[in-house]
Amino acid sequence: MSNHQINFVGWILFVISAVGFCISSIGSFWAMFGSAFFLVACLIFMIPFFRSDK
């Protein structure tokens, strides 16, 4: 596996864990607040994987 693929798999695992944190924090405002920001941050870090290189 190339470094690019390993990084992508790592970010996918982070996104899955962020979704799990969101599910487990249902009912707690502050936990959901933190979990949602963690999920958004993971998705933002994944943007370079979907951009085309010029």
C-alpha atoms as a PDB file:
ATOM      1  CA  MET A   1       0.000   0.000   0.000  1.00  0.00           C
ATOM      2  CA  SER A   2       1.199   3.480  -0.776  1.00  0.00           C
ATOM      3  CA  ASN A   3       1.395   6.250   1.803  1.00  0.00           C
ATOM      4  CA  HIS A   4      -1.572   7.946   0.110  1.00  0.00           C
ATOM      5  CA  GLN A   5      -3.741   4.848   0.568  1.00  0.00           C
ATOM      6  CA  ILE A   6      -2.658   4.395   4.185  1.00  0.00           C
ATOM      7  CA  ASN A   7      -3.493   8.030   4.962  1.00  0.00           C
ATOM      8  CA  PHE A   8      -6.885   7.666   3.295  1.00  0.00           C
ATOM      9  CA  VAL A   9      -7.718   4.519   5.279  1.00  0.00           C
ATOM     10  CA  GLY A  10      -6.657   6.293   8.467  1.00  0.00           C
ATOM     11  CA  TRP A  11      -8.989   9.211   7.780  1.00  0.00           C
ATOM     12  CA  ILE A  12     -11.853   6.840   6.958  1.00  0.00           C
ATOM     13  CA  LEU A  13     -11.323   5.196  10.358  1.00  0.00           C
ATOM     14  CA  PHE A  14     -11.328   8.613  12.032  1.00  0.00           C
ATOM     15  CA  VAL A  15     -14.630   9.455  10.307  1.00  0.00           C
ATOM     16  CA  ILE A  16     -16.149   6.146  11.441  1.00  0.00           C
ATOM     17  CA  SER A  17     -15.048   6.813  15.024  1.00  0.00           C
ATOM     18  CA  ALA A  18     -16.452  10.361  14.845  1.00  0.00           C
ATOM     19  CA  VAL A  19     -19.821   8.984  13.710  1.00  0.00           C
ATOM     20  CA  GLY A  20     -19.678   6.513  16.608  1.00  0.00           C
ATOM     21  CA  PHE A  21     -18.973   9.349  19.046  1.00  0.00           C
ATOM     22  CA  CYS A  22     -21.932  11.291  17.627  1.00  0.00           C
ATOM     23  CA  ILE A  23     -24.227   8.299  18.074  1.00  0.00           C
ATOM     24  CA  SER A  24     -23.014   7.622  21.615  1.00  0.00           C
ATOM     25  CA  SER A  25     -23.417  11.266  22.642  1.00  0.00           C
ATOM     26  CA  ILE A  26     -27.106  11.552  21.756  1.00  0.00           C
ATOM     27  CA  GLY A  27     -28.813  13.322  24.632  1.00  0.00           C
ATOM     28  CA  SER A  28     -25.768  15.235  25.828  1.00  0.00           C
ATOM     29  CA  PHE A  29     -25.447  18.670  24.213  1.00  0.00           C
ATOM     30  CA  TRP A  30     -21.753  19.277  24.921  1.00  0.00           C
ATOM     31  CA  ALA A  31     -20.691  15.774  23.942  1.00  0.00           C
ATOM     32  CA  MET A  32     -22.657  16.062  20.689  1.00  0.00           C
ATOM     33  CA  PHE A  33     -21.166  19.526  20.099  1.00  0.00           C
ATOM     34  CA  GLY A  34     -17.617  18.159  20.395  1.00  0.00           C
ATOM     35  CA  SER A  35     -18.380  15.040  18.386  1.00  0.00           C
ATOM     36  CA  ALA A  36     -19.914  17.034  15.546  1.00  0.00           C
ATOM     37  CA  PHE A  37     -16.885  19.330  15.337  1.00  0.00           C
ATOM     38  CA  PHE A  38     -14.574  16.304  15.361  1.00  0.00           C
ATOM     39  CA  LEU A  39     -16.547  14.804  12.469  1.00  0.00           C
ATOM     40  CA  VAL A  40     -16.456  18.066  10.491  1.00  0.00           C
ATOM     41  CA  ALA A  41     -12.705  18.404  11.081  1.00  0.00           C
ATOM     42  CA  CYS A  42     -12.101  14.867   9.812  1.00  0.00           C
ATOM     43  CA  LEU A  43     -14.149  15.558   6.697  1.00  0.00           C
ATOM     44  CA  ILE A  44     -12.231  18.784   6.036  1.00  0.00           C
ATOM     45  CA  PHE A  45      -8.916  16.949   6.314  1.00  0.00           C
ATOM     46  CA  MET A  46     -10.192  14.482   3.688  1.00  0.00           C
ATOM     47  CA  ILE A  47     -10.797  17.187   1.045  1.00  0.00           C
ATOM     48  CA  PRO A  48      -7.287  16.841  -0.500  1.00  0.00           C
ATOM     49  CA  PHE A  49      -7.977  13.157  -1.247  1.00  0.00           C
ATOM     50  CA  PHE A  50     -10.876  14.112  -3.517  1.00  0.00           C
ATOM     51  CA  ARG A  51      -9.284  17.079  -5.286  1.00  0.00           C
ATOM     52  CA  SER A  52      -7.614  16.542  -8.596  1.00  0.00           C
ATOM     53  CA  ASP A  53      -3.941  17.442  -8.885  1.00  0.00           C
ATOM     54  CA  LYS A  54      -3.278  20.073 -11.516  1.00  0.00           C
END
